[in-house]
Amino acid sequence: MDASARSPRRIHWLNVLTVVSAAILIGAEVFGAAFAGSWAIATLFELGGYVARVLDVIFLAAGAAIMVQFVRNAKRIEPFTE
């Protein structure tokens, strides 16, 4: 066995904290923009409450996809383990 297989991985807490903090900040902006965008579109085109909720789900799913991609890229740049 090589040395890397025997030694436990160490967590870089500073990197984890940086990525989590950025994800909270960016997540608040992304999900706020998703709600505002769905509300604006539904109101502008007078789509009604049901369609507004459907737009909420679509926009929030897009926001979740953006956040997953952000965290994946952040982990590549700021590795969580050594």
PDB file of N, CA and C in Angstrom:
ATOM      1  N   MET A   1       0.833  -1.196   0.000  1.00  0.00           N
ATOM      2  CA  MET A   1       0.000   0.000   0.000  1.00  0.00           C
ATOM      3  C   MET A   1       0.865   1.241   0.000  1.00  0.00           C
ATOM      4  N   ASP A   2       0.396   2.242  -0.670  1.00  0.00           N
ATOM      5  CA  ASP A   2       1.136   3.492  -0.644  1.00  0.00           C
ATOM      6  C   ASP A   2       0.715   4.328   0.566  1.00  0.00           C
ATOM      7  N   ALA A   3       1.430   5.394   0.810  1.00  0.00           N
ATOM      8  CA  ALA A   3       1.208   6.205   2.015  1.00  0.00           C
ATOM      9  C   ALA A   3      -0.149   6.908   1.990  1.00  0.00           C
ATOM     10  N   SER A   4      -0.634   7.279   0.818  1.00  0.00           N
ATOM     11  CA  SER A   4      -1.898   8.000   0.758  1.00  0.00           C
ATOM     12  C   SER A   4      -3.078   7.103   1.113  1.00  0.00           C
ATOM     13  N   ALA A   5      -2.975   5.807   0.880  1.00  0.00           N
ATOM     14  CA  ALA A   5      -4.065   4.890   1.208  1.00  0.00           C
ATOM     15  C   ALA A   5      -4.154   4.648   2.710  1.00  0.00           C
ATOM     16  N   ARG A   6      -3.035   4.762   3.419  1.00  0.00           N
ATOM     17  CA  ARG A   6      -3.022   4.495   4.861  1.00  0.00           C
ATOM     18  C   ARG A   6      -3.358   5.715   5.701  1.00  0.00           C
ATOM     19  N   SER A   7      -2.964   6.894   5.284  1.00  0.00           N
ATOM     20  CA  SER A   7      -3.172   8.080   6.112  1.00  0.00           C
ATOM     21  C   SER A   7      -4.593   8.616   5.921  1.00  0.00           C
ATOM     22  N   PRO A   8      -5.199   9.056   7.018  1.00  0.00           N
ATOM     23  CA  PRO A   8      -6.557   9.613   6.893  1.00  0.00           C
ATOM     24  C   PRO A   8      -6.514  10.963   6.193  1.00  0.00           C
ATOM     25  N   ARG A   9      -7.610  11.282   5.545  1.00  0.00           N
ATOM     26  CA  ARG A   9      -7.695  12.577   4.871  1.00  0.00           C
ATOM     27  C   ARG A   9      -7.983  13.664   5.897  1.00  0.00           C
ATOM     28  N   ARG A  10      -7.338  14.804   5.718  1.00  0.00           N
ATOM     29  CA  ARG A  10      -7.553  15.941   6.613  1.00  0.00           C
ATOM     30  C   ARG A  10      -8.502  16.920   5.960  1.00  0.00           C
ATOM     31  N   ILE A  11      -9.415  17.455   6.743  1.00  0.00           N
ATOM     32  CA  ILE A  11     -10.381  18.422   6.233  1.00  0.00           C
ATOM     33  C   ILE A  11      -9.807  19.827   6.379  1.00  0.00           C
ATOM     34  N   HIS A  12      -9.877  20.608   5.305  1.00  0.00           N
ATOM     35  CA  HIS A  12      -9.453  22.002   5.329  1.00  0.00           C
ATOM     36  C   HIS A  12     -10.670  22.842   5.729  1.00  0.00           C
ATOM     37  N   TRP A  13     -10.792  23.128   7.011  1.00  0.00           N
ATOM     38  CA  TRP A  13     -11.982  23.814   7.511  1.00  0.00           C
ATOM     39  C   TRP A  13     -12.112  25.232   6.986  1.00  0.00           C
ATOM     40  N   LEU A  14     -10.997  25.884   6.730  1.00  0.00           N
ATOM     41  CA  LEU A  14     -11.053  27.237   6.182  1.00  0.00           C
ATOM     42  C   LEU A  14     -11.677  27.222   4.784  1.00  0.00           C
ATOM     43  N   ASN A  15     -11.311  26.247   3.968  1.00  0.00           N
ATOM     44  CA  ASN A  15     -11.898  26.129   2.633  1.00  0.00           C
ATOM     45  C   ASN A  15     -13.392  25.788   2.712  1.00  0.00           C
ATOM     46  N   VAL A  16     -13.743  24.892   3.623  1.00  0.00           N
ATOM     47  CA  VAL A  16     -15.146  24.523   3.796  1.00  0.00           C
ATOM     48  C   VAL A  16     -15.954  25.739   4.226  1.00  0.00           C
ATOM     49  N   LEU A  17     -15.442  26.481   5.176  1.00  0.00           N
ATOM     50  CA  LEU A  17     -16.136  27.671   5.665  1.00  0.00           C
ATOM     51  C   LEU A  17     -16.274  28.722   4.563  1.00  0.00           C
ATOM     52  N   THR A  18     -15.249  28.891   3.753  1.00  0.00           N
ATOM     53  CA  THR A  18     -15.299  29.852   2.661  1.00  0.00           C
ATOM     54  C   THR A  18     -16.377  29.480   1.647  1.00  0.00           C
ATOM     55  N   VAL A  19     -16.409  28.213   1.255  1.00  0.00           N
ATOM     56  CA  VAL A  19     -17.392  27.764   0.257  1.00  0.00           C
ATOM     57  C   VAL A  19     -18.809  27.833   0.818  1.00  0.00           C
ATOM     58  N   VAL A  20     -19.007  27.429   2.070  1.00  0.00           N
ATOM     59  CA  VAL A  20     -20.340  27.476   2.674  1.00  0.00           C
ATOM     60  C   VAL A  20     -20.812  28.922   2.801  1.00  0.00           C
ATOM     61  N   SER A  21     -19.938  29.804   3.215  1.00  0.00           N
ATOM     62  CA  SER A  21     -20.315  31.215   3.341  1.00  0.00           C
ATOM     63  C   SER A  21     -20.691  31.814   1.996  1.00  0.00           C
ATOM     64  N   ALA A  22     -19.902  31.525   0.983  1.00  0.00           N
ATOM     65  CA  ALA A  22     -20.213  32.039  -0.357  1.00  0.00           C
ATOM     66  C   ALA A  22     -21.505  31.422  -0.880  1.00  0.00           C
ATOM     67  N   ALA A  23     -21.741  30.141  -0.599  1.00  0.00           N
ATOM     68  CA  ALA A  23     -22.967  29.485  -1.055  1.00  0.00           C
ATOM     69  C   ALA A  23     -24.195  30.099  -0.388  1.00  0.00           C
ATOM     70  N   ILE A  24     -24.098  30.468   0.878  1.00  0.00           N
ATOM     71  CA  ILE A  24     -25.219  31.120   1.560  1.00  0.00           C
ATOM     72  C   ILE A  24     -25.503  32.476   0.927  1.00  0.00           C
ATOM     73  N   LEU A  25     -24.475  33.253   0.700  1.00  0.00           N
ATOM     74  CA  LEU A  25     -24.646  34.575   0.099  1.00  0.00           C
ATOM     75  C   LEU A  25     -25.212  34.478  -1.312  1.00  0.00           C
ATOM     76  N   ILE A  26     -24.611  33.663  -2.138  1.00  0.00           N
ATOM     77  CA  ILE A  26     -25.052  33.540  -3.526  1.00  0.00           C
ATOM     78  C   ILE A  26     -26.416  32.867  -3.595  1.00  0.00           C
ATOM     79  N   GLY A  27     -26.669  31.894  -2.706  1.00  0.00           N
ATOM     80  CA  GLY A  27     -27.968  31.226  -2.681  1.00  0.00           C
ATOM     81  C   GLY A  27     -29.099  32.183  -2.359  1.00  0.00           C
ATOM     82  N   ALA A  28     -28.868  33.094  -1.423  1.00  0.00           N
ATOM     83  CA  ALA A  28     -29.897  34.081  -1.091  1.00  0.00           C
ATOM     84  C   ALA A  28     -30.209  34.950  -2.307  1.00  0.00           C
ATOM     85  N   GLU A  29     -29.197  35.320  -3.051  1.00  0.00           N
ATOM     86  CA  GLU A  29     -29.411  36.145  -4.238  1.00  0.00           C
ATOM     87  C   GLU A  29     -30.106  35.356  -5.346  1.00  0.00           C
ATOM     88  N   VAL A  30     -29.673  34.127  -5.564  1.00  0.00           N
ATOM     89  CA  VAL A  30     -30.241  33.318  -6.644  1.00  0.00           C
ATOM     90  C   VAL A  30     -31.704  33.000  -6.373  1.00  0.00           C
ATOM     91  N   PHE A  31     -32.021  32.549  -5.145  1.00  0.00           N
ATOM     92  CA  PHE A  31     -33.400  32.180  -4.851  1.00  0.00           C
ATOM     93  C   PHE A  31     -34.297  33.408  -4.723  1.00  0.00           C
ATOM     94  N   GLY A  32     -33.754  34.514  -4.243  1.00  0.00           N
ATOM     95  CA  GLY A  32     -34.520  35.758  -4.238  1.00  0.00           C
ATOM     96  C   GLY A  32     -34.845  36.215  -5.649  1.00  0.00           C
ATOM     97  N   ALA A  33     -33.883  36.121  -6.537  1.00  0.00           N
ATOM     98  CA  ALA A  33     -34.123  36.488  -7.937  1.00  0.00           C
ATOM     99  C   ALA A  33     -35.107  35.529  -8.596  1.00  0.00           C
ATOM    100  N   ALA A  34     -35.075  34.255  -8.226  1.00  0.00           N
ATOM    101  CA  ALA A  34     -36.017  33.281  -8.790  1.00  0.00           C
ATOM    102  C   ALA A  34     -37.448  33.621  -8.386  1.00  0.00           C
ATOM    103  N   PHE A  35     -37.663  33.909  -7.101  1.00  0.00           N
ATOM    104  CA  PHE A  35     -39.009  34.274  -6.653  1.00  0.00           C
ATOM    105  C   PHE A  35     -39.462  35.579  -7.292  1.00  0.00           C
ATOM    106  N   ALA A  36     -38.583  36.566  -7.327  1.00  0.00           N
ATOM    107  CA  ALA A  36     -38.946  37.862  -7.906  1.00  0.00           C
ATOM    108  C   ALA A  36     -39.240  37.732  -9.397  1.00  0.00           C
ATOM    109  N   GLY A  37     -38.454  36.939 -10.088  1.00  0.00           N
ATOM    110  CA  GLY A  37     -38.668  36.757 -11.520  1.00  0.00           C
ATOM    111  C   GLY A  37     -39.972  36.049 -11.829  1.00  0.00           C
ATOM    112  N   SER A  38     -40.276  35.003 -11.075  1.00  0.00           N
ATOM    113  CA  SER A  38     -41.532  34.281 -11.322  1.00  0.00           C
ATOM    114  C   SER A  38     -42.731  35.163 -10.983  1.00  0.00           C
ATOM    115  N   TRP A  39     -42.631  35.923  -9.906  1.00  0.00           N
ATOM    116  CA  TRP A  39     -43.719  36.838  -9.541  1.00  0.00           C
ATOM    117  C   TRP A  39     -43.908  37.908 -10.621  1.00  0.00           C
ATOM    118  N   ALA A  40     -42.800  38.472 -11.100  1.00  0.00           N
ATOM    119  CA  ALA A  40     -42.874  39.531 -12.106  1.00  0.00           C
ATOM    120  C   ALA A  40     -43.480  39.026 -13.409  1.00  0.00           C
ATOM    121  N   ILE A  41     -43.054  37.864 -13.847  1.00  0.00           N
ATOM    122  CA  ILE A  41     -43.585  37.318 -15.099  1.00  0.00           C
ATOM    123  C   ILE A  41     -45.068  36.984 -14.955  1.00  0.00           C
ATOM    124  N   ALA A  42     -45.442  36.350 -13.838  1.00  0.00           N
ATOM    125  CA  ALA A  42     -46.846  35.995 -13.625  1.00  0.00           C
ATOM    126  C   ALA A  42     -47.727  37.242 -13.535  1.00  0.00           C
ATOM    127  N   THR A  43     -47.227  38.281 -12.907  1.00  0.00           N
ATOM    128  CA  THR A  43     -48.008  39.509 -12.785  1.00  0.00           C
ATOM    129  C   THR A  43     -48.076  40.260 -14.112  1.00  0.00           C
ATOM    130  N   LEU A  44     -46.973  40.324 -14.812  1.00  0.00           N
ATOM    131  CA  LEU A  44     -46.922  41.049 -16.080  1.00  0.00           C
ATOM    132  C   LEU A  44     -47.906  40.472 -17.092  1.00  0.00           C
ATOM    133  N   PHE A  45     -47.948  39.163 -17.180  1.00  0.00           N
ATOM    134  CA  PHE A  45     -48.811  38.518 -18.160  1.00  0.00           C
ATOM    135  C   PHE A  45     -50.148  38.065 -17.576  1.00  0.00           C
ATOM    136  N   GLU A  46     -50.432  38.450 -16.321  1.00  0.00           N
ATOM    137  CA  GLU A  46     -51.679  38.112 -15.627  1.00  0.00           C
ATOM    138  C   GLU A  46     -51.991  36.620 -15.747  1.00  0.00           C
ATOM    139  N   LEU A  47     -51.037  35.786 -15.298  1.00  0.00           N
ATOM    140  CA  LEU A  47     -51.150  34.345 -15.470  1.00  0.00           C
ATOM    141  C   LEU A  47     -51.940  33.651 -14.364  1.00  0.00           C
ATOM    142  N   GLY A  48     -52.157  34.309 -13.251  1.00  0.00           N
ATOM    143  CA  GLY A  48     -52.927  33.692 -12.171  1.00  0.00           C
ATOM    144  C   GLY A  48     -52.040  32.989 -11.163  1.00  0.00           C
ATOM    145  N   GLY A  49     -52.666  32.586 -10.062  1.00  0.00           N
ATOM    146  CA  GLY A  49     -51.925  32.000  -8.947  1.00  0.00           C
ATOM    147  C   GLY A  49     -51.317  30.644  -9.238  1.00  0.00           C
ATOM    148  N   TYR A  50     -52.045  29.797  -9.941  1.00  0.00           N
ATOM    149  CA  TYR A  50     -51.543  28.447 -10.217  1.00  0.00           C
ATOM    150  C   TYR A  50     -50.308  28.495 -11.104  1.00  0.00           C
ATOM    151  N   VAL A  51     -50.359  29.269 -12.148  1.00  0.00           N
ATOM    152  CA  VAL A  51     -49.214  29.374 -13.060  1.00  0.00           C
ATOM    153  C   VAL A  51     -48.039  30.048 -12.356  1.00  0.00           C
ATOM    154  N   ALA A  52     -48.341  30.985 -11.461  1.00  0.00           N
ATOM    155  CA  ALA A  52     -47.263  31.630 -10.697  1.00  0.00           C
ATOM    156  C   ALA A  52     -46.523  30.607  -9.848  1.00  0.00           C
ATOM    157  N   ARG A  53     -47.244  29.661  -9.247  1.00  0.00           N
ATOM    158  CA  ARG A  53     -46.582  28.624  -8.446  1.00  0.00           C
ATOM    159  C   ARG A  53     -45.765  27.689  -9.327  1.00  0.00           C
ATOM    160  N   VAL A  54     -46.276  27.397 -10.518  1.00  0.00           N
ATOM    161  CA  VAL A  54     -45.518  26.564 -11.457  1.00  0.00           C
ATOM    162  C   VAL A  54     -44.232  27.275 -11.859  1.00  0.00           C
ATOM    163  N   LEU A  55     -44.325  28.566 -12.121  1.00  0.00           N
ATOM    164  CA  LEU A  55     -43.122  29.343 -12.437  1.00  0.00           C
ATOM    165  C   LEU A  55     -42.157  29.369 -11.260  1.00  0.00           C
ATOM    166  N   ASP A  56     -42.698  29.465 -10.031  1.00  0.00           N
ATOM    167  CA  ASP A  56     -41.845  29.396  -8.836  1.00  0.00           C
ATOM    168  C   ASP A  56     -41.034  28.112  -8.832  1.00  0.00           C
ATOM    169  N   VAL A  57     -41.701  26.996  -9.077  1.00  0.00           N
ATOM    170  CA  VAL A  57     -41.016  25.697  -9.059  1.00  0.00           C
ATOM    171  C   VAL A  57     -39.952  25.628 -10.148  1.00  0.00           C
ATOM    172  N   ILE A  58     -40.291  26.092 -11.336  1.00  0.00           N
ATOM    173  CA  ILE A  58     -39.325  26.056 -12.450  1.00  0.00           C
ATOM    174  C   ILE A  58     -38.115  26.932 -12.147  1.00  0.00           C
ATOM    175  N   PHE A  59     -38.361  28.150 -11.686  1.00  0.00           N
ATOM    176  CA  PHE A  59     -37.256  29.063 -11.397  1.00  0.00           C
ATOM    177  C   PHE A  59     -36.423  28.574 -10.208  1.00  0.00           C
ATOM    178  N   LEU A  60     -37.074  28.001  -9.193  1.00  0.00           N
ATOM    179  CA  LEU A  60     -36.322  27.490  -8.048  1.00  0.00           C
ATOM    180  C   LEU A  60     -35.500  26.267  -8.426  1.00  0.00           C
ATOM    181  N   ALA A  61     -36.014  25.435  -9.314  1.00  0.00           N
ATOM    182  CA  ALA A  61     -35.225  24.294  -9.790  1.00  0.00           C
ATOM    183  C   ALA A  61     -33.993  24.775 -10.548  1.00  0.00           C
ATOM    184  N   ALA A  62     -34.171  25.815 -11.351  1.00  0.00           N
ATOM    185  CA  ALA A  62     -33.021  26.393 -12.054  1.00  0.00           C
ATOM    186  C   ALA A  62     -32.023  26.983 -11.056  1.00  0.00           C
ATOM    187  N   GLY A  63     -32.532  27.634 -10.011  1.00  0.00           N
ATOM    188  CA  GLY A  63     -31.655  28.174  -8.974  1.00  0.00           C
ATOM    189  C   GLY A  63     -30.900  27.083  -8.236  1.00  0.00           C
ATOM    190  N   ALA A  64     -31.573  25.967  -7.958  1.00  0.00           N
ATOM    191  CA  ALA A  64     -30.902  24.847  -7.291  1.00  0.00           C
ATOM    192  C   ALA A  64     -29.807  24.262  -8.179  1.00  0.00           C
ATOM    193  N   ALA A  65     -30.072  24.171  -9.475  1.00  0.00           N
ATOM    194  CA  ALA A  65     -29.047  23.682 -10.402  1.00  0.00           C
ATOM    195  C   ALA A  65     -27.842  24.617 -10.434  1.00  0.00           C
ATOM    196  N   ILE A  66     -28.101  25.912 -10.400  1.00  0.00           N
ATOM    197  CA  ILE A  66     -27.012  26.886 -10.366  1.00  0.00           C
ATOM    198  C   ILE A  66     -26.184  26.726  -9.093  1.00  0.00           C
ATOM    199  N   MET A  67     -26.860  26.527  -7.960  1.00  0.00           N
ATOM    200  CA  MET A  67     -26.146  26.380  -6.691  1.00  0.00           C
ATOM    201  C   MET A  67     -25.326  25.096  -6.650  1.00  0.00           C
ATOM    202  N   VAL A  68     -25.859  24.006  -7.170  1.00  0.00           N
ATOM    203  CA  VAL A  68     -25.098  22.749  -7.212  1.00  0.00           C
ATOM    204  C   VAL A  68     -23.843  22.929  -8.056  1.00  0.00           C
ATOM    205  N   GLN A  69     -23.998  23.568  -9.199  1.00  0.00           N
ATOM    206  CA  GLN A  69     -22.838  23.807 -10.060  1.00  0.00           C
ATOM    207  C   GLN A  69     -21.821  24.717  -9.380  1.00  0.00           C
ATOM    208  N   PHE A  70     -22.299  25.731  -8.655  1.00  0.00           N
ATOM    209  CA  PHE A  70     -21.388  26.626  -7.945  1.00  0.00           C
ATOM    210  C   PHE A  70     -20.569  25.864  -6.905  1.00  0.00           C
ATOM    211  N   VAL A  71     -21.236  25.031  -6.108  1.00  0.00           N
ATOM    212  CA  VAL A  71     -20.521  24.302  -5.051  1.00  0.00           C
ATOM    213  C   VAL A  71     -19.534  23.312  -5.662  1.00  0.00           C
ATOM    214  N   ARG A  72     -19.914  22.656  -6.754  1.00  0.00           N
ATOM    215  CA  ARG A  72     -18.976  21.737  -7.417  1.00  0.00           C
ATOM    216  C   ARG A  72     -17.720  22.471  -7.891  1.00  0.00           C
ATOM    217  N   ASN A  73     -17.914  23.606  -8.528  1.00  0.00           N
ATOM    218  CA  ASN A  73     -16.754  24.376  -9.004  1.00  0.00           C
ATOM    219  C   ASN A  73     -15.939  24.928  -7.846  1.00  0.00           C
ATOM    220  N   ALA A  74     -16.608  25.347  -6.779  1.00  0.00           N
ATOM    221  CA  ALA A  74     -15.889  25.877  -5.623  1.00  0.00           C
ATOM    222  C   ALA A  74     -15.069  24.787  -4.953  1.00  0.00           C
ATOM    223  N   LYS A  75     -15.603  23.568  -4.899  1.00  0.00           N
ATOM    224  CA  LYS A  75     -14.831  22.460  -4.298  1.00  0.00           C
ATOM    225  C   LYS A  75     -13.596  22.144  -5.115  1.00  0.00           C
ATOM    226  N   ARG A  76     -13.685  22.322  -6.432  1.00  0.00           N
ATOM    227  CA  ARG A  76     -12.517  22.065  -7.274  1.00  0.00           C
ATOM    228  C   ARG A  76     -11.436  23.108  -7.037  1.00  0.00           C
ATOM    229  N   ILE A  77     -11.844  24.358  -6.817  1.00  0.00           N
ATOM    230  CA  ILE A  77     -10.886  25.441  -6.606  1.00  0.00           C
ATOM    231  C   ILE A  77     -10.387  25.458  -5.174  1.00  0.00           C
ATOM    232  N   GLU A  78     -11.294  25.248  -4.206  1.00  0.00           N
ATOM    233  CA  GLU A  78     -10.952  25.223  -2.774  1.00  0.00           C
ATOM    234  C   GLU A  78     -11.214  23.804  -2.266  1.00  0.00           C
ATOM    235  N   PRO A  79     -10.263  22.888  -2.395  1.00  0.00           N
ATOM    236  CA  PRO A  79     -10.503  21.485  -2.009  1.00  0.00           C
ATOM    237  C   PRO A  79     -10.819  21.364  -0.507  1.00  0.00           C
ATOM    238  N   PHE A  80     -11.799  20.511  -0.204  1.00  0.00           N
ATOM    239  CA  PHE A  80     -12.213  20.315   1.182  1.00  0.00           C
ATOM    240  C   PHE A  80     -11.272  19.383   1.938  1.00  0.00           C
ATOM    241  N   THR A  81     -10.630  18.474   1.247  1.00  0.00           N
ATOM    242  CA  THR A  81      -9.730  17.528   1.924  1.00  0.00           C
ATOM    243  C   THR A  81      -8.357  17.576   1.299  1.00  0.00           C
ATOM    244  N   GLU A  82      -7.409  17.066   2.064  1.00  0.00           N
ATOM    245  CA  GLU A  82      -6.002  17.042   1.628  1.00  0.00           C
ATOM    246  C   GLU A  82      -5.663  15.659   1.170  1.00  0.00           C
TER     247      GLU A  82
END
